[in-house]
């Protein structure tokens, strides 16, 4: 006798809410007209207050915090001292942050903790109750940074943290960039370590979209609808409009509109519905738990 088919759920999370007004507008449209169910607010970026206000007007959107120790104005005095330049702005790659952690572990980790704490406080002060946390440039994949993120989530009653892990089933996937494939492999390996270390923080089977960062289109999303496994998977996306984006800060400029159009394509929503995939967000998972 066959049992009922296992449930399949997807969280489509738009990173970088608050980056610019154009990114905010794109995420809002991708939620209202498309399949985006969740977003994470970069609280230290110039349009963060506007992004929080936009999110408050979308009650069905789950909103987490996109903790950022790499780019943009530092909110905390400690991060301005350790992570930022003379202008108070952080401009670091993930590799540079990790190297600083190795060379000056105590100072670097205290600065990251102070900055993440200030960014969570910003969300709370603007009326948001974060459904989960992730990090810009995936810093929480590294053990010492993950531990301080988990401590902050415990302190502020944030129930979940993004789980790194991307093992795409065989299928007709668009070709990703080789560099991003390498990034995805490293994060999958680190994510498995974090899963063994503290499984209570994770609600998904992993996060897709890392290898295809900047290359998510209609074909990727329709293939994902066919290949999603039982359980819950997060798909990380970066929709938006290019207005105000600085190419010195991000390579994701023209691709944001491509992703926006794909996320709003009715064919993608139909593919998810046909496959019986439920669209959800971390806040709903927390309520169920």
C-alpha atoms as a PDB file:
ATOM      1  CA  UNK A   1       0.000   0.000   0.000  1.00  0.00           C
ATOM      2  CA  UNK A   2       1.493   3.355  -1.024  1.00  0.00           C
ATOM      3  CA  UNK A   3       1.577   6.175   1.501  1.00  0.00           C
ATOM      4  CA  UNK A   4       0.644   9.770   0.736  1.00  0.00           C
ATOM      5  CA  UNK A   5       3.289  11.664  -1.253  1.00  0.00           C
ATOM      6  CA  UNK A   6       5.811  13.504   0.901  1.00  0.00           C
ATOM      7  CA  UNK A   7       5.240  17.230   1.202  1.00  0.00           C
ATOM      8  CA  UNK A   8       7.511  19.534  -0.779  1.00  0.00           C
ATOM      9  CA  UNK A   9       7.898  23.140   0.280  1.00  0.00           C
ATOM     10  CA  UNK A  10      10.004  26.021  -0.999  1.00  0.00           C
ATOM     11  CA  UNK A  11      11.086  29.295   0.572  1.00  0.00           C
ATOM     12  CA  UNK A  12      12.002  31.782  -2.163  1.00  0.00           C
ATOM     13  CA  UNK A  13      14.117  34.332  -0.292  1.00  0.00           C
ATOM     14  CA  UNK A  14      15.184  37.651  -1.808  1.00  0.00           C
ATOM     15  CA  UNK A  15      18.447  38.841  -0.289  1.00  0.00           C
ATOM     16  CA  UNK A  16      19.490  42.522  -0.048  1.00  0.00           C
ATOM     17  CA  UNK A  17      16.241  44.241   0.946  1.00  0.00           C
ATOM     18  CA  UNK A  18      17.339  47.736   1.933  1.00  0.00           C
ATOM     19  CA  UNK A  19      20.259  47.935  -0.494  1.00  0.00           C
ATOM     20  CA  UNK A  20      18.687  50.599  -2.733  1.00  0.00           C
ATOM     21  CA  UNK A  21      15.218  51.866  -3.543  1.00  0.00           C
ATOM     22  CA  UNK A  22      15.431  49.930  -6.821  1.00  0.00           C
ATOM     23  CA  UNK A  23      16.201  46.673  -5.028  1.00  0.00           C
ATOM     24  CA  UNK A  24      13.339  47.337  -2.595  1.00  0.00           C
ATOM     25  CA  UNK A  25      10.938  47.955  -5.486  1.00  0.00           C
ATOM     26  CA  UNK A  26      12.027  44.777  -7.245  1.00  0.00           C
ATOM     27  CA  UNK A  27      11.614  42.613  -4.153  1.00  0.00           C
ATOM     28  CA  UNK A  28       8.174  44.087  -3.469  1.00  0.00           C
ATOM     29  CA  UNK A  29       7.060  43.325  -7.026  1.00  0.00           C
ATOM     30  CA  UNK A  30       8.564  39.814  -6.905  1.00  0.00           C
ATOM     31  CA  UNK A  31       6.445  39.138  -3.817  1.00  0.00           C
ATOM     32  CA  UNK A  32       3.208  40.797  -4.937  1.00  0.00           C
ATOM     33  CA  UNK A  33       3.275  39.538  -8.528  1.00  0.00           C
ATOM     34  CA  UNK A  34       5.606  36.572  -8.312  1.00  0.00           C
ATOM     35  CA  UNK A  35       6.792  33.691  -6.158  1.00  0.00           C
ATOM     36  CA  UNK A  36       9.029  35.420  -3.578  1.00  0.00           C
ATOM     37  CA  UNK A  37       7.796  34.483  -0.102  1.00  0.00           C
ATOM     38  CA  UNK A  38      10.634  35.799   2.044  1.00  0.00           C
ATOM     39  CA  UNK A  39      13.281  38.513   2.148  1.00  0.00           C
ATOM     40  CA  UNK A  40      16.206  39.486   4.351  1.00  0.00           C
ATOM     41  CA  UNK A  41      16.914  43.101   5.299  1.00  0.00           C
ATOM     42  CA  UNK A  42      20.443  44.510   5.034  1.00  0.00           C
ATOM     43  CA  UNK A  43      19.895  46.895   7.925  1.00  0.00           C
ATOM     44  CA  UNK A  44      23.057  48.950   7.422  1.00  0.00           C
ATOM     45  CA  UNK A  45      22.420  49.845   3.788  1.00  0.00           C
ATOM     46  CA  UNK A  46      21.093  53.219   2.606  1.00  0.00           C
ATOM     47  CA  UNK A  47      17.515  52.148   1.808  1.00  0.00           C
ATOM     48  CA  UNK A  48      17.042  49.939   4.889  1.00  0.00           C
ATOM     49  CA  UNK A  49      14.445  52.153   6.581  1.00  0.00           C
ATOM     50  CA  UNK A  50      12.429  52.320   3.356  1.00  0.00           C
ATOM     51  CA  UNK A  51      12.813  48.550   2.943  1.00  0.00           C
ATOM     52  CA  UNK A  52      11.495  47.932   6.461  1.00  0.00           C
ATOM     53  CA  UNK A  53       8.514  50.181   5.752  1.00  0.00           C
ATOM     54  CA  UNK A  54       7.879  48.368   2.463  1.00  0.00           C
ATOM     55  CA  UNK A  55       8.059  44.998   4.208  1.00  0.00           C
ATOM     56  CA  UNK A  56       5.587  46.086   6.884  1.00  0.00           C
ATOM     57  CA  UNK A  57       3.055  46.713   4.111  1.00  0.00           C
ATOM     58  CA  UNK A  58       3.366  43.090   2.930  1.00  0.00           C
ATOM     59  CA  UNK A  59       2.046  40.934   5.796  1.00  0.00           C
ATOM     60  CA  UNK A  60       2.428  37.670   3.858  1.00  0.00           C
ATOM     61  CA  UNK A  61       6.152  38.271   3.307  1.00  0.00           C
ATOM     62  CA  UNK A  62       8.447  36.609   5.819  1.00  0.00           C
ATOM     63  CA  UNK A  63      11.245  39.038   6.712  1.00  0.00           C
ATOM     64  CA  UNK A  64      14.575  38.007   8.174  1.00  0.00           C
ATOM     65  CA  UNK A  65      17.839  39.860   8.700  1.00  0.00           C
ATOM     66  CA  UNK A  66      20.702  39.862   6.188  1.00  0.00           C
ATOM     67  CA  UNK A  67      23.638  40.301   8.565  1.00  0.00           C
ATOM     68  CA  UNK A  68      26.380  42.260   6.848  1.00  0.00           C
ATOM     69  CA  UNK A  69      30.008  42.704   7.952  1.00  0.00           C
ATOM     70  CA  UNK A  70      31.374  43.209   4.446  1.00  0.00           C
ATOM     71  CA  UNK A  71      29.825  46.249   2.811  1.00  0.00           C
ATOM     72  CA  UNK A  72      28.117  49.535   3.534  1.00  0.00           C
ATOM     73  CA  UNK A  73      28.153  51.960   6.476  1.00  0.00           C
ATOM     74  CA  UNK A  74      28.908  50.318   9.810  1.00  0.00           C
ATOM     75  CA  UNK A  75      26.161  50.850  12.387  1.00  0.00           C
ATOM     76  CA  UNK A  76      28.341  50.032  15.406  1.00  0.00           C
ATOM     77  CA  UNK A  77      31.339  51.944  16.750  1.00  0.00           C
ATOM     78  CA  UNK A  78      33.324  48.715  17.065  1.00  0.00           C
ATOM     79  CA  UNK A  79      32.832  47.794  13.409  1.00  0.00           C
ATOM     80  CA  UNK A  80      33.744  51.327  12.321  1.00  0.00           C
ATOM     81  CA  UNK A  81      36.995  50.901  14.211  1.00  0.00           C
ATOM     82  CA  UNK A  82      37.899  47.385  13.026  1.00  0.00           C
ATOM     83  CA  UNK A  83      36.055  46.610   9.780  1.00  0.00           C
ATOM     84  CA  UNK A  84      35.515  49.987   8.089  1.00  0.00           C
ATOM     85  CA  UNK A  85      37.726  52.526   6.372  1.00  0.00           C
ATOM     86  CA  UNK A  86      38.225  56.140   7.493  1.00  0.00           C
ATOM     87  CA  UNK A  87      34.833  57.009   5.982  1.00  0.00           C
ATOM     88  CA  UNK A  88      33.057  54.503   8.242  1.00  0.00           C
ATOM     89  CA  UNK A  89      32.153  52.261   5.312  1.00  0.00           C
ATOM     90  CA  UNK A  90      32.952  48.542   5.165  1.00  0.00           C
ATOM     91  CA  UNK A  91      34.294  47.291   1.853  1.00  0.00           C
ATOM     92  CA  UNK A  92      35.570  43.753   2.351  1.00  0.00           C
ATOM     93  CA  UNK A  93      35.355  40.455   0.541  1.00  0.00           C
ATOM     94  CA  UNK A  94      34.418  37.364   2.510  1.00  0.00           C
ATOM     95  CA  UNK A  95      38.026  36.202   2.192  1.00  0.00           C
ATOM     96  CA  UNK A  96      39.304  39.441   3.703  1.00  0.00           C
ATOM     97  CA  UNK A  97      36.955  39.112   6.668  1.00  0.00           C
ATOM     98  CA  UNK A  98      38.058  35.528   7.270  1.00  0.00           C
ATOM     99  CA  UNK A  99      41.751  36.507   7.033  1.00  0.00           C
ATOM    100  CA  UNK A 100      41.192  39.264   9.578  1.00  0.00           C
ATOM    101  CA  UNK A 101      39.498  36.743  11.820  1.00  0.00           C
ATOM    102  CA  UNK A 102      42.570  34.527  11.614  1.00  0.00           C
ATOM    103  CA  UNK A 103      45.069  37.355  12.195  1.00  0.00           C
ATOM    104  CA  UNK A 104      43.093  39.282  14.836  1.00  0.00           C
ATOM    105  CA  UNK A 105      40.456  36.838  16.047  1.00  0.00           C
ATOM    106  CA  UNK A 106      39.290  38.602  19.197  1.00  0.00           C
ATOM    107  CA  UNK A 107      39.047  42.086  17.669  1.00  0.00           C
ATOM    108  CA  UNK A 108      37.450  40.885  14.451  1.00  0.00           C
ATOM    109  CA  UNK A 109      34.840  38.680  16.088  1.00  0.00           C
ATOM    110  CA  UNK A 110      33.923  41.370  18.615  1.00  0.00           C
ATOM    111  CA  UNK A 111      33.428  43.843  15.754  1.00  0.00           C
ATOM    112  CA  UNK A 112      31.297  41.399  13.771  1.00  0.00           C
ATOM    113  CA  UNK A 113      29.187  40.631  16.833  1.00  0.00           C
ATOM    114  CA  UNK A 114      28.680  44.335  17.619  1.00  0.00           C
ATOM    115  CA  UNK A 115      27.691  45.072  14.016  1.00  0.00           C
ATOM    116  CA  UNK A 116      25.302  42.136  13.749  1.00  0.00           C
ATOM    117  CA  UNK A 117      23.762  43.100  17.092  1.00  0.00           C
ATOM    118  CA  UNK A 118      23.201  46.668  15.868  1.00  0.00           C
ATOM    119  CA  UNK A 119      21.613  45.423  12.643  1.00  0.00           C
ATOM    120  CA  UNK A 120      19.177  43.158  14.477  1.00  0.00           C
ATOM    121  CA  UNK A 121      18.333  46.055  16.803  1.00  0.00           C
ATOM    122  CA  UNK A 122      17.618  48.196  13.723  1.00  0.00           C
ATOM    123  CA  UNK A 123      15.102  45.628  12.489  1.00  0.00           C
ATOM    124  CA  UNK A 124      13.368  45.495  15.857  1.00  0.00           C
ATOM    125  CA  UNK A 125      13.336  49.284  16.165  1.00  0.00           C
ATOM    126  CA  UNK A 126      11.618  49.458  12.766  1.00  0.00           C
ATOM    127  CA  UNK A 127       8.830  47.096  13.759  1.00  0.00           C
ATOM    128  CA  UNK A 128      10.181  43.878  12.230  1.00  0.00           C
ATOM    129  CA  UNK A 129      10.351  40.539  14.032  1.00  0.00           C
ATOM    130  CA  UNK A 130      12.979  38.593  12.063  1.00  0.00           C
ATOM    131  CA  UNK A 131      11.858  35.159  10.922  1.00  0.00           C
ATOM    132  CA  UNK A 132      15.436  33.998  10.370  1.00  0.00           C
ATOM    133  CA  UNK A 133      18.985  35.165   9.781  1.00  0.00           C
ATOM    134  CA  UNK A 134      21.433  34.829   6.925  1.00  0.00           C
ATOM    135  CA  UNK A 135      24.668  36.673   6.162  1.00  0.00           C
ATOM    136  CA  UNK A 136      25.983  38.740   3.315  1.00  0.00           C
ATOM    137  CA  UNK A 137      28.633  36.760   1.437  1.00  0.00           C
ATOM    138  CA  UNK A 138      27.750  33.697   3.550  1.00  0.00           C
ATOM    139  CA  UNK A 139      30.004  34.536   6.496  1.00  0.00           C
ATOM    140  CA  UNK A 140      28.051  32.341   8.921  1.00  0.00           C
ATOM    141  CA  UNK A 141      29.250  29.239   7.096  1.00  0.00           C
ATOM    142  CA  UNK A 142      32.472  29.642   9.139  1.00  0.00           C
ATOM    143  CA  UNK A 143      32.332  28.088  12.597  1.00  0.00           C
ATOM    144  CA  UNK A 144      33.328  31.001  14.835  1.00  0.00           C
ATOM    145  CA  UNK A 145      31.022  33.432  13.025  1.00  0.00           C
ATOM    146  CA  UNK A 146      28.194  30.889  13.041  1.00  0.00           C
ATOM    147  CA  UNK A 147      28.513  30.571  16.808  1.00  0.00           C
ATOM    148  CA  UNK A 148      28.111  34.295  17.381  1.00  0.00           C
ATOM    149  CA  UNK A 149      25.166  34.431  14.924  1.00  0.00           C
ATOM    150  CA  UNK A 150      23.521  31.576  16.846  1.00  0.00           C
ATOM    151  CA  UNK A 151      24.125  33.380  20.147  1.00  0.00           C
ATOM    152  CA  UNK A 152      22.485  36.544  18.784  1.00  0.00           C
ATOM    153  CA  UNK A 153      19.549  34.585  17.385  1.00  0.00           C
ATOM    154  CA  UNK A 154      19.059  32.977  20.781  1.00  0.00           C
ATOM    155  CA  UNK A 155      19.232  36.371  22.486  1.00  0.00           C
ATOM    156  CA  UNK A 156      16.681  37.934  20.143  1.00  0.00           C
ATOM    157  CA  UNK A 157      14.447  34.873  19.721  1.00  0.00           C
ATOM    158  CA  UNK A 158      15.135  34.467  16.002  1.00  0.00           C
ATOM    159  CA  UNK A 159      14.183  30.848  15.302  1.00  0.00           C
ATOM    160  CA  UNK A 160      16.205  29.840  12.221  1.00  0.00           C
ATOM    161  CA  UNK A 161      19.458  30.404  10.360  1.00  0.00           C
ATOM    162  CA  UNK A 162      20.029  29.762   6.653  1.00  0.00           C
ATOM    163  CA  UNK A 163      21.427  26.291   6.061  1.00  0.00           C
ATOM    164  CA  UNK A 164      24.126  26.025   3.425  1.00  0.00           C
ATOM    165  CA  UNK A 165      23.932  22.948   1.251  1.00  0.00           C
ATOM    166  CA  UNK A 166      23.304  22.691  -2.467  1.00  0.00           C
ATOM    167  CA  UNK A 167      23.233  19.321  -4.161  1.00  0.00           C
ATOM    168  CA  UNK A 168      21.157  19.827  -7.277  1.00  0.00           C
ATOM    169  CA  UNK A 169      19.617  16.627  -8.635  1.00  0.00           C
ATOM    170  CA  UNK A 170      20.383  15.624 -12.185  1.00  0.00           C
ATOM    171  CA  UNK A 171      18.369  17.802 -14.530  1.00  0.00           C
ATOM    172  CA  UNK A 172      18.436  20.440 -17.234  1.00  0.00           C
ATOM    173  CA  UNK A 173      19.973  23.232 -15.217  1.00  0.00           C
ATOM    174  CA  UNK A 174      21.397  26.426 -16.757  1.00  0.00           C
ATOM    175  CA  UNK A 175      25.196  26.416 -16.772  1.00  0.00           C
ATOM    176  CA  UNK A 176      26.571  28.243 -13.694  1.00  0.00           C
ATOM    177  CA  UNK A 177      29.834  30.153 -13.508  1.00  0.00           C
ATOM    178  CA  UNK A 178      32.759  27.964 -12.480  1.00  0.00           C
ATOM    179  CA  UNK A 179      33.712  30.313  -9.665  1.00  0.00           C
ATOM    180  CA  UNK A 180      30.220  30.092  -8.198  1.00  0.00           C
ATOM    181  CA  UNK A 181      30.279  26.323  -8.523  1.00  0.00           C
ATOM    182  CA  UNK A 182      33.419  26.302  -6.368  1.00  0.00           C
ATOM    183  CA  UNK A 183      31.785  28.632  -3.843  1.00  0.00           C
ATOM    184  CA  UNK A 184      28.742  26.347  -3.673  1.00  0.00           C
ATOM    185  CA  UNK A 185      30.927  23.275  -3.075  1.00  0.00           C
ATOM    186  CA  UNK A 186      32.818  24.959  -0.226  1.00  0.00           C
ATOM    187  CA  UNK A 187      29.608  26.215   1.370  1.00  0.00           C
ATOM    188  CA  UNK A 188      27.995  22.791   1.085  1.00  0.00           C
ATOM    189  CA  UNK A 189      30.977  21.253   2.885  1.00  0.00           C
ATOM    190  CA  UNK A 190      30.923  23.926   5.590  1.00  0.00           C
ATOM    191  CA  UNK A 191      27.136  23.674   5.840  1.00  0.00           C
ATOM    192  CA  UNK A 192      27.380  19.966   6.613  1.00  0.00           C
ATOM    193  CA  UNK A 193      29.726  20.792   9.499  1.00  0.00           C
ATOM    194  CA  UNK A 194      27.329  23.415  10.865  1.00  0.00           C
ATOM    195  CA  UNK A 195      24.436  20.961  10.541  1.00  0.00           C
ATOM    196  CA  UNK A 196      26.311  18.420  12.673  1.00  0.00           C
ATOM    197  CA  UNK A 197      27.321  21.170  15.104  1.00  0.00           C
ATOM    198  CA  UNK A 198      23.885  22.697  15.760  1.00  0.00           C
ATOM    199  CA  UNK A 199      21.002  21.097  13.822  1.00  0.00           C
ATOM    200  CA  UNK A 200      18.380  22.904  15.908  1.00  0.00           C
ATOM    201  CA  UNK A 201      18.947  26.147  13.966  1.00  0.00           C
ATOM    202  CA  UNK A 202      18.075  24.745  10.550  1.00  0.00           C
ATOM    203  CA  UNK A 203      14.640  24.241   9.017  1.00  0.00           C
ATOM    204  CA  UNK A 204      15.519  23.316   5.433  1.00  0.00           C
ATOM    205  CA  UNK A 205      17.249  20.615   3.451  1.00  0.00           C
ATOM    206  CA  UNK A 206      19.623  23.280   2.164  1.00  0.00           C
ATOM    207  CA  UNK A 207      19.775  26.407   0.003  1.00  0.00           C
ATOM    208  CA  UNK A 208      19.734  26.404  -3.783  1.00  0.00           C
ATOM    209  CA  UNK A 209      20.817  29.294  -5.975  1.00  0.00           C
ATOM    210  CA  UNK A 210      24.383  29.685  -4.715  1.00  0.00           C
ATOM    211  CA  UNK A 211      26.036  28.093  -7.754  1.00  0.00           C
ATOM    212  CA  UNK A 212      23.638  30.016 -10.007  1.00  0.00           C
ATOM    213  CA  UNK A 213      23.994  33.396  -8.288  1.00  0.00           C
ATOM    214  CA  UNK A 214      23.500  35.928 -11.059  1.00  0.00           C
ATOM    215  CA  UNK A 215      22.158  33.281 -13.436  1.00  0.00           C
ATOM    216  CA  UNK A 216      18.753  32.407 -12.032  1.00  0.00           C
ATOM    217  CA  UNK A 217      16.150  32.592 -14.764  1.00  0.00           C
ATOM    218  CA  UNK A 218      12.832  31.041 -15.730  1.00  0.00           C
ATOM    219  CA  UNK A 219      14.551  27.801 -16.808  1.00  0.00           C
ATOM    220  CA  UNK A 220      16.268  27.409 -13.425  1.00  0.00           C
ATOM    221  CA  UNK A 221      13.075  28.016 -11.466  1.00  0.00           C
ATOM    222  CA  UNK A 222      10.955  25.653 -13.573  1.00  0.00           C
ATOM    223  CA  UNK A 223      13.602  22.933 -13.309  1.00  0.00           C
ATOM    224  CA  UNK A 224      13.731  23.504  -9.546  1.00  0.00           C
ATOM    225  CA  UNK A 225       9.958  23.032  -9.318  1.00  0.00           C
ATOM    226  CA  UNK A 226      10.388  19.581 -10.890  1.00  0.00           C
ATOM    227  CA  UNK A 227      13.438  18.548  -8.824  1.00  0.00           C
ATOM    228  CA  UNK A 228      12.738  19.830  -5.316  1.00  0.00           C
ATOM    229  CA  UNK A 229      13.016  16.971  -2.795  1.00  0.00           C
ATOM    230  CA  UNK A 230      10.674  16.141   0.049  1.00  0.00           C
ATOM    231  CA  UNK A 231      10.873  18.642   2.873  1.00  0.00           C
ATOM    232  CA  UNK A 232      11.718  22.328   2.605  1.00  0.00           C
ATOM    233  CA  UNK A 233      14.351  23.954   0.401  1.00  0.00           C
ATOM    234  CA  UNK A 234      15.291  27.622   0.330  1.00  0.00           C
ATOM    235  CA  UNK A 235      16.027  29.207  -3.041  1.00  0.00           C
ATOM    236  CA  UNK A 236      18.203  32.307  -2.689  1.00  0.00           C
ATOM    237  CA  UNK A 237      17.452  35.035  -5.250  1.00  0.00           C
ATOM    238  CA  UNK A 238      18.489  38.651  -5.899  1.00  0.00           C
ATOM    239  CA  UNK A 239      15.716  40.468  -7.767  1.00  0.00           C
ATOM    240  CA  UNK A 240      15.657  44.228  -8.190  1.00  0.00           C
ATOM    241  CA  UNK A 241      16.032  47.231 -10.423  1.00  0.00           C
ATOM    242  CA  UNK A 242      19.515  48.465 -11.247  1.00  0.00           C
ATOM    243  CA  UNK A 243      18.869  52.088 -10.245  1.00  0.00           C
ATOM    244  CA  UNK A 244      21.439  53.260  -7.702  1.00  0.00           C
ATOM    245  CA  UNK A 245      23.548  50.104  -7.691  1.00  0.00           C
ATOM    246  CA  UNK A 246      27.308  50.679  -7.573  1.00  0.00           C
ATOM    247  CA  UNK A 247      29.367  48.245  -9.727  1.00  0.00           C
ATOM    248  CA  UNK A 248      32.180  48.631  -7.199  1.00  0.00           C
ATOM    249  CA  UNK A 249      29.905  47.047  -4.584  1.00  0.00           C
ATOM    250  CA  UNK A 250      28.100  44.342  -6.541  1.00  0.00           C
ATOM    251  CA  UNK A 251      28.366  42.469  -9.801  1.00  0.00           C
ATOM    252  CA  UNK A 252      24.641  41.727  -9.613  1.00  0.00           C
ATOM    253  CA  UNK A 253      23.225  44.667 -11.544  1.00  0.00           C
ATOM    254  CA  UNK A 254      21.565  43.782 -14.866  1.00  0.00           C
ATOM    255  CA  UNK A 255      20.947  40.246 -13.584  1.00  0.00           C
ATOM    256  CA  UNK A 256      18.599  41.548 -10.885  1.00  0.00           C
ATOM    257  CA  UNK A 257      16.009  42.552 -13.455  1.00  0.00           C
ATOM    258  CA  UNK A 258      16.419  39.181 -15.220  1.00  0.00           C
ATOM    259  CA  UNK A 259      15.666  37.412 -11.943  1.00  0.00           C
ATOM    260  CA  UNK A 260      12.767  39.761 -11.238  1.00  0.00           C
ATOM    261  CA  UNK A 261      11.118  38.948 -14.557  1.00  0.00           C
ATOM    262  CA  UNK A 262      11.663  35.215 -14.022  1.00  0.00           C
ATOM    263  CA  UNK A 263      10.198  35.309 -10.514  1.00  0.00           C
ATOM    264  CA  UNK A 264       7.103  37.106 -11.848  1.00  0.00           C
ATOM    265  CA  UNK A 265       6.668  34.826 -14.870  1.00  0.00           C
ATOM    266  CA  UNK A 266       3.286  33.056 -14.599  1.00  0.00           C
ATOM    267  CA  UNK A 267       4.870  29.920 -16.091  1.00  0.00           C
ATOM    268  CA  UNK A 268       7.049  29.558 -12.986  1.00  0.00           C
ATOM    269  CA  UNK A 269       4.106  29.805 -10.593  1.00  0.00           C
ATOM    270  CA  UNK A 270       2.186  27.298 -12.714  1.00  0.00           C
ATOM    271  CA  UNK A 271       5.132  24.879 -12.643  1.00  0.00           C
ATOM    272  CA  UNK A 272       5.291  25.016  -8.838  1.00  0.00           C
ATOM    273  CA  UNK A 273       1.540  24.512  -8.552  1.00  0.00           C
ATOM    274  CA  UNK A 274       1.568  21.626 -11.028  1.00  0.00           C
ATOM    275  CA  UNK A 275       4.361  19.948  -9.059  1.00  0.00           C
ATOM    276  CA  UNK A 276       2.427  20.367  -5.824  1.00  0.00           C
ATOM    277  CA  UNK A 277       5.101  22.521  -4.199  1.00  0.00           C
ATOM    278  CA  UNK A 278       3.892  24.677  -1.321  1.00  0.00           C
ATOM    279  CA  UNK A 279       5.354  28.187  -1.090  1.00  0.00           C
ATOM    280  CA  UNK A 280       6.157  29.167   2.488  1.00  0.00           C
ATOM    281  CA  UNK A 281       8.549  31.183   4.644  1.00  0.00           C
ATOM    282  CA  UNK A 282      10.497  30.691   7.871  1.00  0.00           C
ATOM    283  CA  UNK A 283       7.875  32.443   9.982  1.00  0.00           C
ATOM    284  CA  UNK A 284       5.259  29.873   9.021  1.00  0.00           C
ATOM    285  CA  UNK A 285       7.688  27.055   9.765  1.00  0.00           C
ATOM    286  CA  UNK A 286       8.286  28.536  13.206  1.00  0.00           C
ATOM    287  CA  UNK A 287       4.535  28.650  13.860  1.00  0.00           C
ATOM    288  CA  UNK A 288       4.218  25.003  12.836  1.00  0.00           C
ATOM    289  CA  UNK A 289       7.106  24.033  15.091  1.00  0.00           C
END
